[in-house]
C-alpha atoms as a PDB file:
ATOM      1  CA  MET A   1       4.770  21.480   0.888  1.00  0.00           C
ATOM      2  CA  PHE A   2       3.441  17.988   1.507  1.00  0.00           C
ATOM      3  CA  ASP A   3      -0.122  18.130   2.823  1.00  0.00           C
ATOM      4  CA  ALA A   4      -0.650  15.107   5.087  1.00  0.00           C
ATOM      5  CA  LYS A   5      -4.384  15.657   5.392  1.00  0.00           C
ATOM      6  CA  ALA A   6      -4.894  15.841   1.626  1.00  0.00           C
ATOM      7  CA  ALA A   7      -2.644  12.819   1.073  1.00  0.00           C
ATOM      8  CA  ILE A   8      -5.135  10.442   2.706  1.00  0.00           C
ATOM      9  CA  SER A   9      -8.120   9.841   0.437  1.00  0.00           C
ATOM     10  CA  PRO A  10     -11.719   9.485   1.724  1.00  0.00           C
ATOM     11  CA  PRO A  11     -11.740   5.674   1.269  1.00  0.00           C
ATOM     12  CA  GLN A  12      -8.472   5.484   3.202  1.00  0.00           C
ATOM     13  CA  ARG A  13      -9.970   7.597   5.990  1.00  0.00           C
ATOM     14  CA  LEU A  14     -12.866   5.152   6.204  1.00  0.00           C
ATOM     15  CA  SER A  15     -10.368   2.300   6.535  1.00  0.00           C
ATOM     16  CA  LEU A  16      -8.734   4.117   9.433  1.00  0.00           C
ATOM     17  CA  ILE A  17     -12.100   4.635  11.141  1.00  0.00           C
ATOM     18  CA  TYR A  18     -12.764   0.892  11.046  1.00  0.00           C
ATOM     19  CA  LEU A  19      -9.304   0.061  12.423  1.00  0.00           C
ATOM     20  CA  GLN A  20      -8.870  -0.293  16.173  1.00  0.00           C
ATOM     21  CA  GLU A  21      -7.762   3.039  17.569  1.00  0.00           C
ATOM     22  CA  GLU A  22      -4.364   1.953  18.871  1.00  0.00           C
ATOM     23  CA  LEU A  23      -3.297   0.811  15.386  1.00  0.00           C
ATOM     24  CA  ARG A  24      -4.480   3.836  13.406  1.00  0.00           C
ATOM     25  CA  PRO A  25      -1.138   5.695  13.670  1.00  0.00           C
ATOM     26  CA  LEU A  26       0.640   2.681  12.129  1.00  0.00           C
ATOM     27  CA  LEU A  27      -1.631   2.505   9.083  1.00  0.00           C
ATOM     28  CA  THR A  28      -1.667   6.300   8.781  1.00  0.00           C
ATOM     29  CA  LEU A  29       2.122   6.344   8.579  1.00  0.00           C
ATOM     30  CA  PHE A  30       2.229   3.777   5.785  1.00  0.00           C
ATOM     31  CA  LEU A  31      -0.436   5.597   3.777  1.00  0.00           C
ATOM     32  CA  LEU A  32       1.404   8.907   4.129  1.00  0.00           C
ATOM     33  CA  LEU A  33       4.785   7.415   3.263  1.00  0.00           C
ATOM     34  CA  ASP A  34       3.252   5.626   0.281  1.00  0.00           C
ATOM     35  CA  ARG A  35       1.839   8.882  -1.029  1.00  0.00           C
ATOM     36  CA  ARG A  36       5.126  10.712  -0.458  1.00  0.00           C
ATOM     37  CA  ILE A  37       7.127   8.075  -2.355  1.00  0.00           C
ATOM     38  CA  GLU A  38       4.492   7.952  -5.094  1.00  0.00           C
ATOM     39  CA  ASP A  39       4.922  11.704  -5.590  1.00  0.00           C
ATOM     40  CA  ILE A  40       8.677  11.239  -5.936  1.00  0.00           C
ATOM     41  CA  ILE A  41       8.353   8.394  -8.458  1.00  0.00           C
ATOM     42  CA  LEU A  42       5.525   9.680 -10.630  1.00  0.00           C
ATOM     43  CA  ASN A  43       6.829  13.260 -10.800  1.00  0.00           C
ATOM     44  CA  MET A  44      10.514  12.556 -11.290  1.00  0.00           C
ATOM     45  CA  ASN A  45      12.438  14.373 -14.016  1.00  0.00           C
ATOM     46  CA  GLU A  46      15.616  12.353 -13.579  1.00  0.00           C
ATOM     47  CA  ALA A  47      15.834   8.783 -12.303  1.00  0.00           C
ATOM     48  CA  MET A  48      19.082   9.477 -10.439  1.00  0.00           C
ATOM     49  CA  ILE A  49      17.527  12.339  -8.450  1.00  0.00           C
ATOM     50  CA  ALA A  50      14.564  10.151  -7.507  1.00  0.00           C
ATOM     51  CA  GLN A  51      16.912   7.370  -6.365  1.00  0.00           C
ATOM     52  CA  ILE A  52      18.869   9.831  -4.221  1.00  0.00           C
ATOM     53  CA  LYS A  53      15.619  10.895  -2.546  1.00  0.00           C
ATOM     54  CA  LEU A  54      14.633   7.268  -1.880  1.00  0.00           C
ATOM     55  CA  ALA A  55      18.090   6.555  -0.473  1.00  0.00           C
ATOM     56  CA  TRP A  56      17.670   9.537   1.881  1.00  0.00           C
ATOM     57  CA  TRP A  57      14.387   8.129   3.182  1.00  0.00           C
ATOM     58  CA  ARG A  58      15.890   4.668   3.695  1.00  0.00           C
ATOM     59  CA  ASP A  59      18.901   6.064   5.534  1.00  0.00           C
ATOM     60  CA  THR A  60      16.688   8.320   7.672  1.00  0.00           C
ATOM     61  CA  ILE A  61      14.408   5.444   8.639  1.00  0.00           C
ATOM     62  CA  LYS A  62      17.451   3.516   9.936  1.00  0.00           C
ATOM     63  CA  LEU A  63      18.791   6.393  12.060  1.00  0.00           C
ATOM     64  CA  ASP A  64      18.350   6.204  15.824  1.00  0.00           C
ATOM     65  CA  VAL A  65      18.474  10.012  16.021  1.00  0.00           C
ATOM     66  CA  LYS A  66      16.574  11.520  13.134  1.00  0.00           C
ATOM     67  CA  PRO A  67      16.810  15.021  11.593  1.00  0.00           C
ATOM     68  CA  LYS A  68      14.331  17.602  12.821  1.00  0.00           C
ATOM     69  CA  GLY A  69      11.848  19.661  10.868  1.00  0.00           C
ATOM     70  CA  GLU A  70      10.163  17.050   8.674  1.00  0.00           C
ATOM     71  CA  PRO A  71       6.739  16.036  10.103  1.00  0.00           C
ATOM     72  CA  LEU A  72       6.732  12.645   8.381  1.00  0.00           C
ATOM     73  CA  VAL A  73      10.182  11.830   9.767  1.00  0.00           C
ATOM     74  CA  LYS A  74       8.944  12.717  13.258  1.00  0.00           C
ATOM     75  CA  MET A  75       5.968  10.411  12.715  1.00  0.00           C
ATOM     76  CA  ILE A  76       8.277   7.578  11.622  1.00  0.00           C
ATOM     77  CA  GLU A  77      10.370   8.033  14.764  1.00  0.00           C
ATOM     78  CA  ASP A  78       7.286   8.032  16.986  1.00  0.00           C
ATOM     79  CA  ILE A  79       5.865   4.896  15.322  1.00  0.00           C
ATOM     80  CA  GLN A  80       9.175   3.032  15.596  1.00  0.00           C
ATOM     81  CA  ASN A  81       9.188   3.770  19.326  1.00  0.00           C
ATOM     82  CA  GLN A  82       5.486   3.055  19.820  1.00  0.00           C
ATOM     83  CA  TYR A  83       5.463  -0.274  17.967  1.00  0.00           C
ATOM     84  CA  CYS A  84       8.894  -1.524  19.008  1.00  0.00           C
ATOM     85  CA  ASP A  85       7.569  -5.111  19.115  1.00  0.00           C
ATOM     86  CA  LEU A  86       6.883  -4.995  15.361  1.00  0.00           C
ATOM     87  CA  ASP A  87       9.469  -4.889  12.575  1.00  0.00           C
ATOM     88  CA  VAL A  88       8.330  -1.463  11.392  1.00  0.00           C
ATOM     89  CA  THR A  89      11.763  -0.414  10.125  1.00  0.00           C
ATOM     90  CA  ASN A  90      12.156  -3.287   7.657  1.00  0.00           C
ATOM     91  CA  ALA A  91       8.556  -2.959   6.490  1.00  0.00           C
ATOM     92  CA  LEU A  92       9.090   0.736   5.711  1.00  0.00           C
ATOM     93  CA  ILE A  93      12.326   0.043   3.869  1.00  0.00           C
ATOM     94  CA  SER A  94      10.743  -2.804   1.898  1.00  0.00           C
ATOM     95  CA  HIS A  95       7.945  -0.430   0.933  1.00  0.00           C
ATOM     96  CA  ILE A  96      10.439   2.058  -0.509  1.00  0.00           C
ATOM     97  CA  ASN A  97      12.384  -0.719  -2.245  1.00  0.00           C
ATOM     98  CA  GLY A  98       9.189  -1.837  -3.939  1.00  0.00           C
ATOM     99  CA  TRP A  99       8.585   1.605  -5.395  1.00  0.00           C
ATOM    100  CA  GLU A 100      12.191   1.745  -6.611  1.00  0.00           C
ATOM    101  CA  TYR A 101      11.531  -1.044  -9.126  1.00  0.00           C
ATOM    102  CA  LEU A 102       9.604   1.553 -11.135  1.00  0.00           C
ATOM    103  CA  ILE A 103      12.775   3.633 -11.417  1.00  0.00           C
ATOM    104  CA  LEU A 104      15.105   0.750 -12.195  1.00  0.00           C
ATOM    105  CA  ASN A 105      12.774  -0.555 -14.907  1.00  0.00           C
ATOM    106  CA  GLU A 106      11.302   2.559 -16.484  1.00  0.00           C
ATOM    107  CA  GLU A 107      10.599   1.022 -19.888  1.00  0.00           C
ATOM    108  CA  SER A 108       8.761  -2.083 -18.763  1.00  0.00           C
ATOM    109  CA  LEU A 109       8.705  -4.366 -15.747  1.00  0.00           C
ATOM    110  CA  SER A 110       9.426  -8.053 -16.129  1.00  0.00           C
ATOM    111  CA  ASN A 111       7.116 -10.546 -14.431  1.00  0.00           C
ATOM    112  CA  ASP A 112       9.708 -10.956 -11.661  1.00  0.00           C
ATOM    113  CA  ASP A 113       9.915  -7.181 -11.253  1.00  0.00           C
ATOM    114  CA  LEU A 114       6.121  -6.919 -10.955  1.00  0.00           C
ATOM    115  CA  TYR A 115       6.162  -9.652  -8.311  1.00  0.00           C
ATOM    116  CA  ARG A 116       8.920  -7.955  -6.306  1.00  0.00           C
ATOM    117  CA  TYR A 117       7.306  -4.533  -6.621  1.00  0.00           C
ATOM    118  CA  ALA A 118       3.946  -5.864  -5.405  1.00  0.00           C
ATOM    119  CA  THR A 119       5.424  -7.929  -2.576  1.00  0.00           C
ATOM    120  CA  GLU A 120       7.566  -5.125  -1.222  1.00  0.00           C
ATOM    121  CA  ARG A 121       5.310  -2.121  -1.765  1.00  0.00           C
ATOM    122  CA  GLY A 122       2.021  -3.716  -0.678  1.00  0.00           C
ATOM    123  CA  GLY A 123       2.730  -7.135   0.763  1.00  0.00           C
ATOM    124  CA  ALA A 124       5.173  -6.009   3.451  1.00  0.00           C
ATOM    125  CA  PHE A 125       2.932  -3.506   5.157  1.00  0.00           C
ATOM    126  CA  PHE A 126      -0.314  -5.472   4.799  1.00  0.00           C
ATOM    127  CA  SER A 127       1.477  -8.376   6.452  1.00  0.00           C
ATOM    128  CA  LEU A 128       2.687  -6.085   9.238  1.00  0.00           C
ATOM    129  CA  ILE A 129      -0.838  -4.762   9.894  1.00  0.00           C
ATOM    130  CA  ALA A 130      -2.117  -8.355  10.010  1.00  0.00           C
ATOM    131  CA  THR A 131       0.533  -9.182  12.617  1.00  0.00           C
ATOM    132  CA  ALA A 132      -0.394  -6.097  14.634  1.00  0.00           C
ATOM    133  CA  CYS A 133      -4.054  -7.209  14.551  1.00  0.00           C
ATOM    134  CA  GLY A 134      -3.169 -10.661  15.885  1.00  0.00           C
ATOM    135  CA  GLN A 135      -3.754 -12.497  12.593  1.00  0.00           C
ATOM    136  CA  THR A 136      -0.248 -13.915  12.332  1.00  0.00           C
ATOM    137  CA  GLU A 137      -1.362 -17.221  10.827  1.00  0.00           C
ATOM    138  CA  LEU A 138      -3.033 -15.348   7.943  1.00  0.00           C
ATOM    139  CA  ARG A 139      -0.139 -13.047   7.121  1.00  0.00           C
ATOM    140  CA  GLN A 140       0.376 -14.737   3.751  1.00  0.00           C
ATOM    141  CA  GLY A 141      -3.220 -14.055   2.750  1.00  0.00           C
ATOM    142  CA  TYR A 142      -2.980 -10.418   3.759  1.00  0.00           C
ATOM    143  CA  ARG A 143       0.377 -10.119   2.032  1.00  0.00           C
ATOM    144  CA  ASP A 144      -1.286 -11.315  -1.186  1.00  0.00           C
ATOM    145  CA  LEU A 145      -4.110  -8.820  -0.642  1.00  0.00           C
ATOM    146  CA  GLY A 146      -1.489  -6.089  -0.332  1.00  0.00           C
ATOM    147  CA  CYS A 147       0.078  -7.242  -3.585  1.00  0.00           C
ATOM    148  CA  ILE A 148      -3.266  -6.773  -5.366  1.00  0.00           C
ATOM    149  CA  TRP A 149      -3.523  -3.293  -3.854  1.00  0.00           C
ATOM    150  CA  ALA A 150      -0.043  -2.413  -5.139  1.00  0.00           C
ATOM    151  CA  LEU A 151      -0.633  -3.879  -8.600  1.00  0.00           C
ATOM    152  CA  SER A 152      -3.751  -1.750  -9.084  1.00  0.00           C
ATOM    153  CA  LEU A 153      -1.374   1.108  -9.947  1.00  0.00           C
ATOM    154  CA  PHE A 154      -1.057  -0.570 -13.354  1.00  0.00           C
ATOM    155  CA  PHE A 155      -4.693  -1.384 -13.970  1.00  0.00           C
ATOM    156  CA  ASN A 156      -5.258   1.656 -16.170  1.00  0.00           C
ATOM    157  CA  ASN A 157      -5.817   0.372 -19.703  1.00  0.00           C
ATOM    158  CA  GLY A 158      -3.241   2.789 -21.050  1.00  0.00           C
ATOM    159  CA  ASN A 159      -0.422   1.365 -18.938  1.00  0.00           C
ATOM    160  CA  LYS A 160       2.023  -0.832 -20.832  1.00  0.00           C
ATOM    161  CA  ASP A 161       2.203  -3.336 -17.960  1.00  0.00           C
ATOM    162  CA  ALA A 162      -1.549  -3.367 -17.274  1.00  0.00           C
ATOM    163  CA  GLU A 163      -2.397  -6.787 -18.687  1.00  0.00           C
ATOM    164  CA  ARG A 164       0.438  -8.645 -16.953  1.00  0.00           C
ATOM    165  CA  ALA A 165      -0.343  -6.814 -13.693  1.00  0.00           C
ATOM    166  CA  ARG A 166      -3.962  -7.983 -13.964  1.00  0.00           C
ATOM    167  CA  ILE A 167      -2.910 -11.571 -14.598  1.00  0.00           C
ATOM    168  CA  LEU A 168      -0.648 -11.556 -11.536  1.00  0.00           C
ATOM    169  CA  ALA A 169      -3.296  -9.841  -9.405  1.00  0.00           C
ATOM    170  CA  ASN A 170      -5.846 -12.465 -10.456  1.00  0.00           C
ATOM    171  CA  GLU A 171      -3.435 -15.195  -9.367  1.00  0.00           C
ATOM    172  CA  TYR A 172      -3.207 -13.572  -5.953  1.00  0.00           C
ATOM    173  CA  TYR A 173      -6.965 -13.125  -5.757  1.00  0.00           C
ATOM    174  CA  ASN A 174      -7.630 -16.765  -6.628  1.00  0.00           C
ATOM    175  CA  SER A 175      -5.204 -17.913  -3.927  1.00  0.00           C
ATOM    176  CA  ILE A 176      -6.931 -16.131  -1.016  1.00  0.00           C
ATOM    177  CA  ASP A 177     -10.205 -16.411   0.840  1.00  0.00           C
ATOM    178  CA  TYR A 178     -11.263 -12.817   0.281  1.00  0.00           C
ATOM    179  CA  LYS A 179     -14.435 -13.058   2.364  1.00  0.00           C
ATOM    180  CA  GLN A 180     -12.525 -14.383   5.354  1.00  0.00           C
ATOM    181  CA  LEU A 181      -9.819 -11.731   5.081  1.00  0.00           C
ATOM    182  CA  SER A 182     -12.460  -9.006   4.676  1.00  0.00           C
ATOM    183  CA  ARG A 183     -14.253 -10.170   7.782  1.00  0.00           C
ATOM    184  CA  LEU A 184     -11.200 -10.391  10.039  1.00  0.00           C
ATOM    185  CA  ILE A 185      -9.472  -7.106   9.197  1.00  0.00           C
ATOM    186  CA  ARG A 186     -12.088  -5.001   7.459  1.00  0.00           C
ATOM    187  CA  PRO A 187      -9.894  -1.857   7.224  1.00  0.00           C
ATOM    188  CA  LEU A 188      -7.497  -3.649   4.867  1.00  0.00           C
ATOM    189  CA  SER A 189     -10.442  -4.955   2.876  1.00  0.00           C
ATOM    190  CA  LEU A 190     -11.838  -1.424   2.548  1.00  0.00           C
ATOM    191  CA  LEU A 191      -8.430  -0.129   1.551  1.00  0.00           C
ATOM    192  CA  THR A 192      -8.166  -2.791  -1.147  1.00  0.00           C
ATOM    193  CA  PHE A 193     -11.756  -2.602  -2.383  1.00  0.00           C
ATOM    194  CA  PRO A 194     -11.079  -0.206  -5.304  1.00  0.00           C
ATOM    195  CA  ALA A 195      -8.362  -2.571  -6.562  1.00  0.00           C
ATOM    196  CA  ILE A 196     -10.543  -5.679  -6.162  1.00  0.00           C
ATOM    197  CA  HIS A 197     -13.474  -3.895  -7.812  1.00  0.00           C
ATOM    198  CA  ALA A 198     -11.317  -2.875 -10.792  1.00  0.00           C
ATOM    199  CA  LEU A 199      -9.996  -6.418 -11.053  1.00  0.00           C
ATOM    200  CA  LYS A 200     -13.433  -8.050 -10.996  1.00  0.00           C
ATOM    201  CA  THR A 201     -14.910  -5.601 -13.515  1.00  0.00           C
ATOM    202  CA  ASN A 202     -11.874  -6.065 -15.782  1.00  0.00           C
ATOM    203  CA  GLY A 203     -11.217  -2.356 -15.914  1.00  0.00           C
ATOM    204  CA  LYS A 204     -14.651  -1.399 -17.230  1.00  0.00           C
ATOM    205  CA  LYS A 205     -15.399   2.148 -16.243  1.00  0.00           C
ATOM    206  CA  GLN A 206     -18.337   2.738 -13.927  1.00  0.00           C
ATOM    207  CA  ASP A 207     -19.770   6.048 -12.878  1.00  0.00           C
ATOM    208  CA  GLY A 208     -18.979   7.334  -9.423  1.00  0.00           C
ATOM    209  CA  ILE A 209     -22.444   6.573  -8.092  1.00  0.00           C
ATOM    210  CA  SER A 210     -22.255   2.889  -9.092  1.00  0.00           C
ATOM    211  CA  PHE A 211     -18.847   2.507  -7.511  1.00  0.00           C
ATOM    212  CA  GLY A 212     -19.978   4.402  -4.409  1.00  0.00           C
ATOM    213  CA  PHE A 213     -22.921   2.071  -3.861  1.00  0.00           C
ATOM    214  CA  ALA A 214     -20.690  -0.986  -4.380  1.00  0.00           C
ATOM    215  CA  TYR A 215     -18.170   0.378  -1.887  1.00  0.00           C
ATOM    216  CA  ILE A 216     -20.788   1.183   0.747  1.00  0.00           C
ATOM    217  CA  TRP A 217     -22.388  -2.239   0.346  1.00  0.00           C
ATOM    218  CA  HIS A 218     -19.019  -3.894   0.838  1.00  0.00           C
ATOM    219  CA  ALA A 219     -18.388  -1.790   3.956  1.00  0.00           C
ATOM    220  CA  ILE A 220     -21.633  -2.828   5.608  1.00  0.00           C
ATOM    221  CA  SER A 221     -21.826  -6.423   4.401  1.00  0.00           C
ATOM    222  CA  ALA A 222     -18.297  -7.732   4.987  1.00  0.00           C
ATOM    223  CA  LYS A 223     -19.008  -9.754   8.116  1.00  0.00           C
END
C-alpha cells in the first residue's frame, strides 16, 4: 500500500512548511504523484505494464467523475476543484508524460529526450507553482529550476546518462538568476537544493553532516 506520509521526504516537508498555507495542498499533490509514478517506473518488470498504469493515471486525471477508493485520486479531484483557476490537469498529465520518456527510451535517452523529460516532469509543475505564487513573469526561470530538479535523477555517477544530464542541467543553471528565484519562492529553492548542491559539487560525495549544514545555511540565508 502506498504510504503518503513516508513518500514525502524531510527536505520536501520543509519546503511545504515555507510555502504559504493555501498552496501547500497543491505542492503536496505533485510530490505524492511524482513519488507514485517514480515507483511505477523504477520498479517495473515489463515496460508495457508500466505504460498501462501511466495511461490509467492520465485517463483518471481527465475524468470529471473519478473512481472511489484511491486516496491520491481523491486528492487530485479535490485539488482540481480547489485550484480551478490554474491548469492543474495539464500540468499533472505533462508530469506523467515526462516520466514516460524513461520507459520509451530504456537503453539511453537522447539529448532531446532528456530535454522533454526534464521540461515535462519538473518544468511543468514548477511553472504552475510559480503562477500560483503570483510570479507569472518568472515562470520560465522556475521552469528551468524544475528541469534541474528532474535531471538530478541522473546525477548518480553510475547512470549511463549522468554526464549529459549534468551538461543540460548546467545550461539551465547558467540561464537563471538562482538567488532571485530562491528569494521569491523559497519552497521551490529548498526543494531543488539537493539537485543544485550535487550539480555544484560535480557529484562529489559529502557526508550527511556537511550536506545538512549546507542545506540549513541555504534555508536561513536565501533572502
